[in-house]
């Protein structure tokens, strides 16, 4: 078992994400990682639910002080051990979309330092300030508000992870053909966003 890193995440109750986590758990067990996934109430929209990620991470950082945490969206599958994390030296690490400044928040590493908690507190504040749209009118997606929180925390040491640590089905394989995934993301947002937002019935997905 890999004892140094705890994989964490959350899923919204009574949504398809309850079932997504089961596949992720199997992949983590096969590779020897311990995990803790918290159930949370569905807040009614996909964006509200994703912004709640900051609150969940605050809880985990407080629950496991000093512990190295690997946050994964529960629609992910760990294909290979993320060995880069064994030797990385930073506060937070994640992937930016290929040839872009857009942060991807499906895979985020937190070193368990006090700076991590400072960033998450700032992240929560920014989400509360911009629940729907940012000042530039873009949707206030959680990855964008996290980027803002890190930018506003000067002491935060950020490390860029390899692209295959947030390998997005169809997108990464198109932009970087031949790259083998380490952590595969199956685009639950694309599949389930309308269900979460109440625009589509969830037959075939609910318990």
N, C-alpha and C. Protein backbone atom coordinates (compact mmCIF):
# COMPACT_ATOMS: atom_id res chain seq x y z
N UNK A 1 0.84 -1.21 0.00
CA UNK A 1 0.00 0.00 0.00
C UNK A 1 0.87 1.25 0.00
N UNK A 2 0.40 2.28 -0.70
CA UNK A 2 1.09 3.57 -0.69
C UNK A 2 0.56 4.38 0.48
N UNK A 3 1.40 4.52 1.52
CA UNK A 3 0.95 5.16 2.76
C UNK A 3 1.21 6.67 2.77
N UNK A 4 2.06 7.14 1.88
CA UNK A 4 2.46 8.55 1.93
C UNK A 4 1.37 9.49 1.43
N UNK A 5 0.59 9.04 0.47
CA UNK A 5 -0.41 9.90 -0.16
C UNK A 5 -1.80 9.30 0.03
N UNK A 6 -2.72 10.14 0.45
CA UNK A 6 -4.13 9.75 0.56
C UNK A 6 -4.89 10.36 -0.61
N UNK A 7 -5.62 9.54 -1.34
CA UNK A 7 -6.45 10.05 -2.43
C UNK A 7 -7.80 10.47 -1.86
N UNK A 8 -8.23 11.68 -2.18
CA UNK A 8 -9.47 12.21 -1.64
C UNK A 8 -10.35 12.74 -2.76
N UNK A 9 -11.63 12.88 -2.45
CA UNK A 9 -12.57 13.42 -3.42
C UNK A 9 -13.95 13.48 -2.80
N UNK A 10 -14.93 13.80 -3.62
CA UNK A 10 -16.31 13.86 -3.13
C UNK A 10 -17.25 13.51 -4.27
N UNK A 11 -18.47 13.16 -3.89
CA UNK A 11 -19.49 12.87 -4.90
C UNK A 11 -20.83 13.40 -4.39
N UNK A 12 -21.66 13.82 -5.30
CA UNK A 12 -22.98 14.33 -4.94
C UNK A 12 -23.95 13.16 -4.82
N UNK A 13 -24.65 13.13 -3.71
CA UNK A 13 -25.59 12.04 -3.44
C UNK A 13 -26.76 12.07 -4.42
N UNK A 14 -27.26 10.89 -4.74
CA UNK A 14 -28.42 10.73 -5.63
C UNK A 14 -28.17 11.31 -7.02
N UNK A 15 -26.93 11.24 -7.47
CA UNK A 15 -26.56 11.62 -8.84
C UNK A 15 -25.69 10.51 -9.42
N UNK A 16 -25.45 10.52 -10.74
CA UNK A 16 -24.61 9.47 -11.34
C UNK A 16 -23.22 9.39 -10.75
N UNK A 17 -22.75 10.46 -10.10
CA UNK A 17 -21.39 10.43 -9.55
C UNK A 17 -21.25 9.41 -8.42
N UNK A 18 -22.36 9.01 -7.80
CA UNK A 18 -22.29 7.96 -6.78
C UNK A 18 -21.70 6.68 -7.37
N UNK A 19 -22.05 6.40 -8.62
CA UNK A 19 -21.59 5.17 -9.26
C UNK A 19 -20.21 5.34 -9.87
N UNK A 20 -19.88 6.55 -10.29
CA UNK A 20 -18.57 6.80 -10.88
C UNK A 20 -17.45 6.47 -9.91
N UNK A 21 -17.66 6.77 -8.64
CA UNK A 21 -16.60 6.58 -7.65
C UNK A 21 -16.22 5.12 -7.49
N UNK A 22 -17.15 4.21 -7.80
CA UNK A 22 -16.88 2.79 -7.61
C UNK A 22 -15.75 2.31 -8.53
N UNK A 23 -15.76 2.78 -9.78
CA UNK A 23 -14.70 2.41 -10.71
C UNK A 23 -13.37 2.99 -10.26
N UNK A 24 -13.39 4.24 -9.80
CA UNK A 24 -12.17 4.87 -9.31
C UNK A 24 -11.62 4.09 -8.13
N UNK A 25 -12.47 3.70 -7.21
CA UNK A 25 -12.02 2.95 -6.03
C UNK A 25 -11.33 1.65 -6.42
N UNK A 26 -11.88 0.95 -7.39
CA UNK A 26 -11.28 -0.31 -7.84
C UNK A 26 -9.87 -0.06 -8.37
N UNK A 27 -9.71 1.02 -9.16
CA UNK A 27 -8.40 1.32 -9.73
C UNK A 27 -7.39 1.68 -8.65
N UNK A 28 -7.84 2.40 -7.63
CA UNK A 28 -6.94 2.79 -6.53
C UNK A 28 -6.53 1.59 -5.70
N UNK A 29 -7.47 0.72 -5.44
CA UNK A 29 -7.16 -0.49 -4.67
C UNK A 29 -6.15 -1.36 -5.41
N UNK A 30 -6.31 -1.45 -6.73
CA UNK A 30 -5.40 -2.27 -7.54
C UNK A 30 -3.97 -1.74 -7.48
N UNK A 31 -3.81 -0.42 -7.32
CA UNK A 31 -2.49 0.20 -7.30
C UNK A 31 -2.00 0.50 -5.88
N UNK A 32 -2.78 0.11 -4.88
CA UNK A 32 -2.32 0.21 -3.50
C UNK A 32 -2.48 1.57 -2.84
N UNK A 33 -3.49 2.35 -3.27
CA UNK A 33 -3.70 3.67 -2.67
C UNK A 33 -4.91 3.65 -1.73
N UNK A 34 -4.73 4.27 -0.58
CA UNK A 34 -5.86 4.47 0.32
C UNK A 34 -6.63 5.71 -0.12
N UNK A 35 -7.92 5.76 0.22
CA UNK A 35 -8.75 6.86 -0.28
C UNK A 35 -9.86 7.19 0.71
N UNK A 36 -10.41 8.37 0.53
CA UNK A 36 -11.56 8.82 1.32
C UNK A 36 -12.39 9.73 0.44
N UNK A 37 -13.60 9.32 0.12
CA UNK A 37 -14.50 10.12 -0.71
C UNK A 37 -15.72 10.50 0.11
N UNK A 38 -15.98 11.79 0.20
CA UNK A 38 -17.08 12.29 1.02
C UNK A 38 -18.36 12.45 0.19
N UNK A 39 -19.50 12.02 0.71
CA UNK A 39 -20.78 12.31 0.07
C UNK A 39 -21.24 13.71 0.44
N UNK A 40 -21.73 14.45 -0.52
CA UNK A 40 -22.27 15.79 -0.24
C UNK A 40 -23.63 15.92 -0.91
N UNK A 41 -24.41 16.83 -0.41
CA UNK A 41 -25.73 17.08 -1.00
C UNK A 41 -25.58 17.75 -2.36
N UNK A 42 -26.49 17.42 -3.26
CA UNK A 42 -26.53 18.10 -4.56
C UNK A 42 -27.07 19.51 -4.34
N UNK A 43 -26.29 20.51 -4.70
CA UNK A 43 -26.67 21.92 -4.49
C UNK A 43 -27.56 22.45 -5.61
N UNK A 44 -27.85 21.62 -6.60
CA UNK A 44 -28.84 22.01 -7.60
C UNK A 44 -28.28 22.32 -8.98
N UNK A 45 -27.00 22.71 -9.04
CA UNK A 45 -26.39 22.95 -10.35
C UNK A 45 -24.98 22.38 -10.34
N UNK A 46 -24.51 22.04 -11.54
CA UNK A 46 -23.17 21.49 -11.68
C UNK A 46 -22.12 22.48 -11.18
N UNK A 47 -22.29 23.77 -11.50
CA UNK A 47 -21.28 24.76 -11.10
C UNK A 47 -21.23 24.93 -9.59
N UNK A 48 -22.38 24.97 -8.92
CA UNK A 48 -22.37 25.08 -7.46
C UNK A 48 -21.70 23.87 -6.83
N UNK A 49 -21.98 22.70 -7.39
CA UNK A 49 -21.37 21.48 -6.85
C UNK A 49 -19.86 21.50 -7.01
N UNK A 50 -19.38 21.94 -8.17
CA UNK A 50 -17.93 21.94 -8.39
C UNK A 50 -17.25 22.99 -7.53
N UNK A 51 -17.89 24.13 -7.33
CA UNK A 51 -17.29 25.13 -6.45
C UNK A 51 -17.22 24.63 -5.00
N UNK A 52 -18.09 23.70 -4.65
CA UNK A 52 -18.07 23.16 -3.29
C UNK A 52 -16.81 22.32 -3.04
N UNK A 53 -16.10 22.00 -4.11
CA UNK A 53 -14.83 21.27 -4.01
C UNK A 53 -13.89 21.95 -3.01
N UNK A 54 -13.88 23.27 -3.00
CA UNK A 54 -12.99 24.00 -2.10
C UNK A 54 -13.33 23.72 -0.64
N UNK A 55 -14.62 23.64 -0.31
CA UNK A 55 -15.03 23.34 1.06
C UNK A 55 -14.61 21.92 1.46
N UNK A 56 -14.78 20.99 0.53
CA UNK A 56 -14.40 19.60 0.80
C UNK A 56 -12.91 19.50 1.07
N UNK A 57 -12.11 20.20 0.27
CA UNK A 57 -10.67 20.14 0.46
C UNK A 57 -10.24 20.82 1.75
N UNK A 58 -10.94 21.86 2.15
CA UNK A 58 -10.67 22.46 3.46
C UNK A 58 -10.88 21.43 4.56
N UNK A 59 -11.98 20.66 4.47
CA UNK A 59 -12.26 19.64 5.47
C UNK A 59 -11.16 18.58 5.50
N UNK A 60 -10.72 18.15 4.32
CA UNK A 60 -9.68 17.11 4.28
C UNK A 60 -8.35 17.63 4.83
N UNK A 61 -7.98 18.85 4.49
CA UNK A 61 -6.72 19.41 4.98
C UNK A 61 -6.74 19.56 6.50
N UNK A 62 -7.91 19.86 7.05
CA UNK A 62 -8.03 19.99 8.50
C UNK A 62 -8.12 18.62 9.17
N UNK A 63 -8.72 17.68 8.47
CA UNK A 63 -8.87 16.33 9.03
C UNK A 63 -7.55 15.57 9.04
N UNK A 64 -6.70 15.85 8.04
CA UNK A 64 -5.42 15.16 7.91
C UNK A 64 -4.28 16.19 7.87
N UNK A 65 -4.03 16.88 8.97
CA UNK A 65 -3.00 17.93 8.96
C UNK A 65 -1.62 17.38 8.61
N UNK A 66 -0.96 18.03 7.67
CA UNK A 66 0.37 17.63 7.26
C UNK A 66 0.42 16.47 6.29
N UNK A 67 -0.74 15.87 5.98
CA UNK A 67 -0.79 14.71 5.10
C UNK A 67 -0.78 15.15 3.63
N UNK A 68 -0.04 14.40 2.81
CA UNK A 68 -0.06 14.65 1.37
C UNK A 68 -1.37 14.10 0.80
N UNK A 69 -2.09 14.95 0.09
CA UNK A 69 -3.39 14.57 -0.46
C UNK A 69 -3.37 14.67 -1.98
N UNK A 70 -3.97 13.71 -2.62
CA UNK A 70 -4.18 13.76 -4.07
C UNK A 70 -5.67 13.82 -4.31
N UNK A 71 -6.15 15.00 -4.71
CA UNK A 71 -7.57 15.14 -5.02
C UNK A 71 -7.83 14.64 -6.43
N UNK A 72 -8.86 13.79 -6.59
CA UNK A 72 -9.30 13.34 -7.91
C UNK A 72 -10.81 13.50 -8.02
N UNK A 73 -11.27 14.03 -9.15
CA UNK A 73 -12.69 13.96 -9.45
C UNK A 73 -13.07 12.49 -9.51
N UNK A 74 -14.28 12.16 -9.05
CA UNK A 74 -14.62 10.74 -8.95
C UNK A 74 -14.95 10.09 -10.30
N UNK A 75 -14.96 10.88 -11.38
CA UNK A 75 -15.11 10.27 -12.70
C UNK A 75 -13.75 9.89 -13.29
N UNK A 76 -12.72 9.90 -12.46
CA UNK A 76 -11.37 9.55 -12.90
C UNK A 76 -11.10 8.06 -12.69
N UNK A 77 -10.05 7.59 -13.36
CA UNK A 77 -9.54 6.22 -13.19
C UNK A 77 -8.02 6.32 -13.10
N UNK A 78 -7.43 5.78 -12.05
CA UNK A 78 -5.97 5.76 -11.96
C UNK A 78 -5.46 4.55 -12.73
N UNK A 79 -4.77 4.82 -13.83
CA UNK A 79 -4.29 3.76 -14.71
C UNK A 79 -2.92 3.26 -14.27
N UNK A 80 -2.05 4.17 -13.85
CA UNK A 80 -0.71 3.85 -13.39
C UNK A 80 -0.43 4.64 -12.12
N UNK A 81 0.54 4.22 -11.34
CA UNK A 81 0.93 4.96 -10.14
C UNK A 81 1.50 6.32 -10.56
N UNK A 82 1.06 7.41 -9.96
CA UNK A 82 1.59 8.73 -10.27
C UNK A 82 2.92 8.98 -9.56
N UNK A 83 3.96 8.36 -10.07
CA UNK A 83 5.24 8.31 -9.36
C UNK A 83 5.90 9.68 -9.21
N UNK A 84 5.54 10.64 -10.07
CA UNK A 84 6.10 11.99 -9.94
C UNK A 84 5.82 12.56 -8.56
N UNK A 85 4.69 12.18 -7.98
CA UNK A 85 4.29 12.73 -6.68
C UNK A 85 5.15 12.21 -5.54
N UNK A 86 5.90 11.15 -5.77
CA UNK A 86 6.75 10.60 -4.71
C UNK A 86 7.93 11.52 -4.38
N UNK A 87 8.33 12.34 -5.34
CA UNK A 87 9.53 13.17 -5.14
C UNK A 87 9.28 14.66 -5.37
N UNK A 88 8.07 15.03 -5.66
CA UNK A 88 7.77 16.43 -5.99
C UNK A 88 7.96 17.33 -4.76
N UNK A 89 8.39 18.57 -4.96
CA UNK A 89 8.63 19.50 -3.86
C UNK A 89 7.90 20.81 -4.16
N UNK A 90 6.69 20.93 -3.64
CA UNK A 90 5.86 22.12 -3.88
C UNK A 90 4.74 22.12 -2.85
N UNK A 91 3.88 23.12 -2.92
CA UNK A 91 2.67 23.13 -2.09
C UNK A 91 1.51 22.49 -2.83
N UNK A 92 1.32 22.90 -4.08
CA UNK A 92 0.21 22.42 -4.90
C UNK A 92 0.74 22.10 -6.29
N UNK A 93 0.21 21.04 -6.88
CA UNK A 93 0.59 20.67 -8.23
C UNK A 93 -0.65 20.26 -9.01
N UNK A 94 -0.67 20.61 -10.29
CA UNK A 94 -1.79 20.26 -11.16
C UNK A 94 -1.33 20.42 -12.60
N UNK A 95 -2.26 20.23 -13.51
CA UNK A 95 -1.98 20.31 -14.94
C UNK A 95 -2.71 21.52 -15.52
N UNK A 96 -2.05 22.21 -16.44
CA UNK A 96 -2.73 23.19 -17.27
C UNK A 96 -3.03 22.55 -18.62
N UNK A 97 -4.17 22.90 -19.18
CA UNK A 97 -4.55 22.32 -20.47
C UNK A 97 -3.47 22.58 -21.51
N UNK A 98 -3.25 21.62 -22.37
CA UNK A 98 -2.16 21.64 -23.35
C UNK A 98 -2.10 22.97 -24.11
N UNK A 99 -0.94 23.63 -24.03
CA UNK A 99 -0.68 24.91 -24.71
C UNK A 99 -1.70 25.97 -24.30
N UNK A 100 -2.06 26.00 -23.02
CA UNK A 100 -3.07 26.92 -22.52
C UNK A 100 -2.72 27.35 -21.10
N UNK A 101 -3.30 28.46 -20.67
CA UNK A 101 -3.15 28.90 -19.28
C UNK A 101 -4.31 28.41 -18.41
N UNK A 102 -5.21 27.61 -19.00
CA UNK A 102 -6.38 27.12 -18.27
C UNK A 102 -5.99 25.95 -17.36
N UNK A 103 -6.16 26.17 -16.05
CA UNK A 103 -5.86 25.13 -15.07
C UNK A 103 -6.90 24.01 -15.18
N UNK A 104 -6.46 22.79 -14.97
CA UNK A 104 -7.37 21.65 -14.90
C UNK A 104 -7.40 21.17 -13.45
N UNK A 105 -8.60 21.04 -12.90
CA UNK A 105 -8.71 20.75 -11.46
C UNK A 105 -9.22 19.36 -11.16
N UNK A 106 -9.19 18.47 -12.14
CA UNK A 106 -9.63 17.09 -11.88
C UNK A 106 -8.61 16.29 -11.11
N UNK A 107 -7.33 16.66 -11.23
CA UNK A 107 -6.23 16.06 -10.47
C UNK A 107 -5.46 17.19 -9.81
N UNK A 108 -5.46 17.25 -8.49
CA UNK A 108 -4.72 18.28 -7.77
C UNK A 108 -3.98 17.64 -6.61
N UNK A 109 -2.69 17.92 -6.53
CA UNK A 109 -1.87 17.43 -5.42
C UNK A 109 -1.70 18.54 -4.39
N UNK A 110 -1.92 18.22 -3.12
CA UNK A 110 -1.71 19.14 -2.00
C UNK A 110 -0.68 18.52 -1.07
N UNK A 111 0.39 19.25 -0.80
CA UNK A 111 1.49 18.70 0.01
C UNK A 111 1.19 18.70 1.50
N UNK A 112 0.07 19.28 1.91
CA UNK A 112 -0.27 19.31 3.33
C UNK A 112 0.42 20.41 4.10
N UNK A 113 0.99 21.37 3.40
CA UNK A 113 1.66 22.50 4.05
C UNK A 113 0.64 23.55 4.49
N UNK A 114 1.00 24.44 5.42
CA UNK A 114 0.08 25.51 5.81
C UNK A 114 -0.37 26.38 4.63
N UNK A 115 0.49 26.50 3.63
CA UNK A 115 0.12 27.30 2.46
C UNK A 115 -1.07 26.70 1.73
N UNK A 116 -1.16 25.38 1.73
CA UNK A 116 -2.29 24.72 1.08
C UNK A 116 -3.62 25.21 1.66
N UNK A 117 -3.67 25.26 2.98
CA UNK A 117 -4.90 25.70 3.63
C UNK A 117 -5.17 27.18 3.35
N UNK A 118 -4.13 27.98 3.27
CA UNK A 118 -4.30 29.40 2.93
C UNK A 118 -4.91 29.56 1.55
N UNK A 119 -4.42 28.76 0.60
CA UNK A 119 -4.96 28.83 -0.77
C UNK A 119 -6.42 28.42 -0.78
N UNK A 120 -6.75 27.36 -0.06
CA UNK A 120 -8.13 26.87 -0.06
C UNK A 120 -9.07 27.88 0.59
N UNK A 121 -8.63 28.53 1.66
CA UNK A 121 -9.45 29.59 2.27
C UNK A 121 -9.70 30.71 1.25
N UNK A 122 -8.67 31.09 0.52
CA UNK A 122 -8.81 32.13 -0.51
C UNK A 122 -9.73 31.64 -1.62
N UNK A 123 -9.62 30.39 -1.97
CA UNK A 123 -10.45 29.78 -3.01
C UNK A 123 -11.93 29.88 -2.63
N UNK A 124 -12.24 29.56 -1.39
CA UNK A 124 -13.62 29.64 -0.91
C UNK A 124 -14.12 31.08 -1.00
N UNK A 125 -13.29 32.03 -0.58
CA UNK A 125 -13.68 33.44 -0.62
C UNK A 125 -13.98 33.89 -2.05
N UNK A 126 -13.16 33.48 -2.99
CA UNK A 126 -13.35 33.89 -4.38
C UNK A 126 -14.62 33.25 -4.95
N UNK A 127 -14.87 31.99 -4.61
CA UNK A 127 -16.11 31.35 -5.06
C UNK A 127 -17.34 32.08 -4.52
N UNK A 128 -17.26 32.52 -3.27
CA UNK A 128 -18.39 33.25 -2.69
C UNK A 128 -18.55 34.62 -3.36
N UNK A 129 -17.44 35.21 -3.74
CA UNK A 129 -17.48 36.51 -4.40
C UNK A 129 -17.99 36.41 -5.83
N UNK A 130 -17.65 35.31 -6.49
CA UNK A 130 -18.04 35.12 -7.90
C UNK A 130 -18.72 33.76 -8.06
N UNK A 131 -19.95 33.63 -7.61
CA UNK A 131 -20.63 32.32 -7.68
C UNK A 131 -21.02 31.90 -9.09
N UNK A 132 -21.15 32.86 -9.99
CA UNK A 132 -21.63 32.54 -11.34
C UNK A 132 -20.62 32.92 -12.42
N UNK A 133 -20.20 34.21 -12.41
CA UNK A 133 -19.27 34.69 -13.45
C UNK A 133 -18.15 35.51 -12.84
N UNK A 134 -17.01 35.45 -13.50
CA UNK A 134 -15.86 36.24 -13.11
C UNK A 134 -15.98 37.66 -13.66
N UNK A 135 -15.16 38.59 -13.20
CA UNK A 135 -15.25 39.97 -13.72
C UNK A 135 -15.10 40.05 -15.24
N UNK A 136 -14.38 39.10 -15.85
CA UNK A 136 -14.22 39.12 -17.30
C UNK A 136 -15.37 38.41 -18.03
N UNK A 137 -16.43 38.06 -17.27
CA UNK A 137 -17.66 37.47 -17.79
C UNK A 137 -17.57 35.97 -18.08
N UNK A 138 -16.40 35.36 -17.88
CA UNK A 138 -16.31 33.91 -18.06
C UNK A 138 -17.03 33.21 -16.91
N UNK A 139 -17.57 32.01 -17.14
CA UNK A 139 -18.16 31.26 -16.03
C UNK A 139 -17.13 31.04 -14.92
N UNK A 140 -17.58 31.12 -13.67
CA UNK A 140 -16.68 31.00 -12.52
C UNK A 140 -16.46 29.53 -12.18
N UNK A 141 -15.85 28.82 -13.12
CA UNK A 141 -15.56 27.42 -12.89
C UNK A 141 -14.53 27.28 -11.77
N UNK A 142 -14.58 26.16 -11.07
CA UNK A 142 -13.73 25.99 -9.89
C UNK A 142 -12.24 26.06 -10.22
N UNK A 143 -11.85 25.57 -11.40
CA UNK A 143 -10.43 25.62 -11.74
C UNK A 143 -9.94 27.06 -11.96
N UNK A 144 -10.85 27.90 -12.45
CA UNK A 144 -10.49 29.31 -12.66
C UNK A 144 -10.36 30.04 -11.33
N UNK A 145 -11.26 29.75 -10.41
CA UNK A 145 -11.17 30.42 -9.11
C UNK A 145 -10.00 29.87 -8.29
N UNK A 146 -9.66 28.61 -8.49
CA UNK A 146 -8.47 28.07 -7.83
C UNK A 146 -7.21 28.75 -8.37
N UNK A 147 -7.14 28.96 -9.67
CA UNK A 147 -5.99 29.65 -10.24
C UNK A 147 -5.86 31.05 -9.65
N UNK A 148 -6.99 31.74 -9.51
CA UNK A 148 -6.99 33.07 -8.90
C UNK A 148 -6.49 33.00 -7.47
N UNK A 149 -6.94 31.98 -6.72
CA UNK A 149 -6.54 31.84 -5.32
C UNK A 149 -5.03 31.62 -5.20
N UNK A 150 -4.47 30.81 -6.07
CA UNK A 150 -3.03 30.58 -6.04
C UNK A 150 -2.27 31.85 -6.43
N UNK A 151 -2.78 32.56 -7.44
CA UNK A 151 -2.14 33.80 -7.87
C UNK A 151 -2.13 34.85 -6.75
N UNK A 152 -3.16 34.79 -5.89
CA UNK A 152 -3.28 35.76 -4.81
C UNK A 152 -2.61 35.27 -3.51
N UNK A 153 -1.90 34.14 -3.58
CA UNK A 153 -1.17 33.61 -2.43
C UNK A 153 0.30 33.55 -2.82
N UNK A 154 1.04 34.63 -2.61
CA UNK A 154 2.42 34.72 -3.11
C UNK A 154 3.35 33.60 -2.66
N UNK A 155 3.11 33.05 -1.47
CA UNK A 155 3.99 32.01 -0.96
C UNK A 155 3.72 30.62 -1.55
N UNK A 156 2.67 30.51 -2.35
CA UNK A 156 2.30 29.20 -2.90
C UNK A 156 3.31 28.75 -3.95
N UNK A 157 3.91 27.60 -3.71
CA UNK A 157 4.84 27.00 -4.67
C UNK A 157 4.07 26.00 -5.52
N UNK A 158 3.90 26.35 -6.78
CA UNK A 158 3.12 25.50 -7.69
C UNK A 158 4.05 24.72 -8.60
N UNK A 159 3.68 23.48 -8.86
CA UNK A 159 4.45 22.63 -9.77
C UNK A 159 3.52 22.10 -10.86
N UNK A 160 3.96 22.19 -12.10
CA UNK A 160 3.18 21.68 -13.23
C UNK A 160 3.35 20.16 -13.31
N UNK A 161 2.22 19.45 -13.35
CA UNK A 161 2.26 18.01 -13.52
C UNK A 161 2.24 17.65 -15.00
N UNK A 162 2.73 16.46 -15.35
CA UNK A 162 2.67 16.02 -16.75
C UNK A 162 1.22 15.96 -17.26
N UNK A 163 1.05 16.16 -18.54
CA UNK A 163 -0.28 16.18 -19.13
C UNK A 163 -1.06 14.89 -18.87
N UNK A 164 -0.37 13.77 -18.78
CA UNK A 164 -1.11 12.51 -18.61
C UNK A 164 -1.57 12.27 -17.17
N UNK A 165 -1.32 13.24 -16.28
CA UNK A 165 -1.88 13.16 -14.93
C UNK A 165 -3.30 13.71 -14.89
N UNK A 166 -3.70 14.44 -15.92
CA UNK A 166 -5.10 14.80 -16.13
C UNK A 166 -5.38 14.53 -17.60
N UNK A 167 -5.42 13.26 -17.92
CA UNK A 167 -5.63 12.80 -19.30
C UNK A 167 -7.13 12.76 -19.55
N UNK A 168 -7.62 13.67 -20.38
CA UNK A 168 -9.06 13.81 -20.61
C UNK A 168 -9.46 13.04 -21.86
N UNK A 169 -10.40 12.14 -21.70
CA UNK A 169 -10.87 11.33 -22.82
C UNK A 169 -11.23 12.23 -24.01
N UNK A 170 -10.79 11.88 -25.16
CA UNK A 170 -11.00 12.56 -26.44
C UNK A 170 -10.16 13.82 -26.59
N UNK A 171 -10.07 14.64 -25.54
CA UNK A 171 -9.36 15.91 -25.67
C UNK A 171 -7.85 15.72 -25.64
N UNK A 172 -7.33 15.04 -24.61
CA UNK A 172 -5.88 14.86 -24.51
C UNK A 172 -5.38 13.94 -25.62
N UNK A 173 -6.13 12.91 -25.94
CA UNK A 173 -5.67 12.00 -26.98
C UNK A 173 -5.66 12.67 -28.35
N UNK A 174 -6.45 13.73 -28.51
CA UNK A 174 -6.43 14.49 -29.76
C UNK A 174 -5.26 15.48 -29.78
N UNK A 175 -5.03 16.16 -28.65
CA UNK A 175 -3.97 17.18 -28.60
C UNK A 175 -2.58 16.57 -28.47
N UNK A 176 -2.50 15.38 -27.86
CA UNK A 176 -1.20 14.72 -27.64
C UNK A 176 -1.31 13.24 -27.99
N UNK A 177 -1.48 12.92 -29.27
CA UNK A 177 -1.64 11.51 -29.66
C UNK A 177 -0.43 10.68 -29.27
N UNK A 178 -0.72 9.47 -28.80
CA UNK A 178 0.35 8.57 -28.38
C UNK A 178 0.71 8.65 -26.92
N UNK A 179 0.18 9.65 -26.22
CA UNK A 179 0.46 9.79 -24.79
C UNK A 179 -0.36 8.77 -24.00
N UNK A 180 0.29 8.06 -23.09
CA UNK A 180 -0.40 7.07 -22.26
C UNK A 180 -0.89 7.73 -20.97
N UNK A 181 -2.14 7.50 -20.61
CA UNK A 181 -2.68 8.13 -19.40
C UNK A 181 -2.11 7.54 -18.12
N UNK A 182 -1.90 8.39 -17.14
CA UNK A 182 -1.61 7.96 -15.77
C UNK A 182 -2.90 8.05 -14.97
N UNK A 183 -3.56 9.21 -15.04
CA UNK A 183 -4.89 9.39 -14.42
C UNK A 183 -5.84 9.81 -15.54
N UNK A 184 -6.79 8.95 -15.82
CA UNK A 184 -7.73 9.14 -16.92
C UNK A 184 -9.00 9.80 -16.40
N UNK A 185 -9.42 10.86 -17.07
CA UNK A 185 -10.66 11.54 -16.70
C UNK A 185 -11.69 11.31 -17.79
N UNK A 186 -12.85 10.82 -17.38
CA UNK A 186 -13.85 10.32 -18.34
C UNK A 186 -14.93 11.33 -18.69
N UNK A 187 -14.70 12.59 -18.34
CA UNK A 187 -15.57 13.71 -18.73
C UNK A 187 -17.01 13.53 -18.20
N UNK A 188 -17.09 13.32 -16.89
CA UNK A 188 -18.40 13.22 -16.27
C UNK A 188 -19.23 14.47 -16.46
N UNK A 189 -18.57 15.63 -16.50
CA UNK A 189 -19.31 16.88 -16.68
C UNK A 189 -20.08 16.87 -18.00
N UNK A 190 -19.44 16.37 -19.05
CA UNK A 190 -20.10 16.31 -20.34
C UNK A 190 -21.27 15.34 -20.32
N UNK A 191 -21.10 14.24 -19.59
CA UNK A 191 -22.14 13.21 -19.55
C UNK A 191 -23.29 13.53 -18.59
N UNK A 192 -22.97 14.24 -17.49
CA UNK A 192 -23.96 14.37 -16.43
C UNK A 192 -24.40 15.80 -16.12
N UNK A 193 -23.80 16.80 -16.73
CA UNK A 193 -24.09 18.19 -16.35
C UNK A 193 -25.58 18.50 -16.48
N UNK A 194 -26.20 18.08 -17.57
CA UNK A 194 -27.62 18.38 -17.76
C UNK A 194 -28.49 17.66 -16.75
N UNK A 195 -28.05 16.48 -16.30
CA UNK A 195 -28.79 15.77 -15.26
C UNK A 195 -28.70 16.54 -13.94
N UNK A 196 -27.49 16.94 -13.59
CA UNK A 196 -27.29 17.70 -12.35
C UNK A 196 -28.08 18.99 -12.37
N UNK A 197 -28.09 19.67 -13.50
CA UNK A 197 -28.79 20.95 -13.63
C UNK A 197 -30.29 20.80 -13.80
N UNK A 198 -30.79 19.56 -13.82
CA UNK A 198 -32.22 19.32 -13.92
C UNK A 198 -32.78 19.46 -15.33
N UNK A 199 -31.90 19.45 -16.33
CA UNK A 199 -32.35 19.60 -17.71
C UNK A 199 -32.57 18.27 -18.40
N UNK A 200 -32.23 17.17 -17.72
CA UNK A 200 -32.35 15.84 -18.31
C UNK A 200 -32.67 14.85 -17.20
N UNK A 201 -33.56 13.92 -17.48
CA UNK A 201 -33.89 12.91 -16.50
C UNK A 201 -32.73 11.96 -16.31
N UNK A 202 -32.66 11.34 -15.13
CA UNK A 202 -31.51 10.51 -14.81
C UNK A 202 -31.85 9.01 -14.84
N UNK A 203 -32.85 8.61 -15.63
CA UNK A 203 -33.13 7.18 -15.75
C UNK A 203 -31.89 6.46 -16.24
N UNK A 204 -31.65 5.31 -15.67
CA UNK A 204 -30.49 4.53 -16.09
C UNK A 204 -29.25 4.86 -15.31
N UNK A 205 -29.29 5.97 -14.53
CA UNK A 205 -28.12 6.37 -13.74
C UNK A 205 -28.40 6.29 -12.24
N UNK A 206 -29.60 6.60 -11.85
CA UNK A 206 -29.90 6.63 -10.41
C UNK A 206 -29.96 5.22 -9.84
N UNK A 207 -29.89 5.13 -8.55
CA UNK A 207 -30.01 3.84 -7.88
C UNK A 207 -31.39 3.26 -8.16
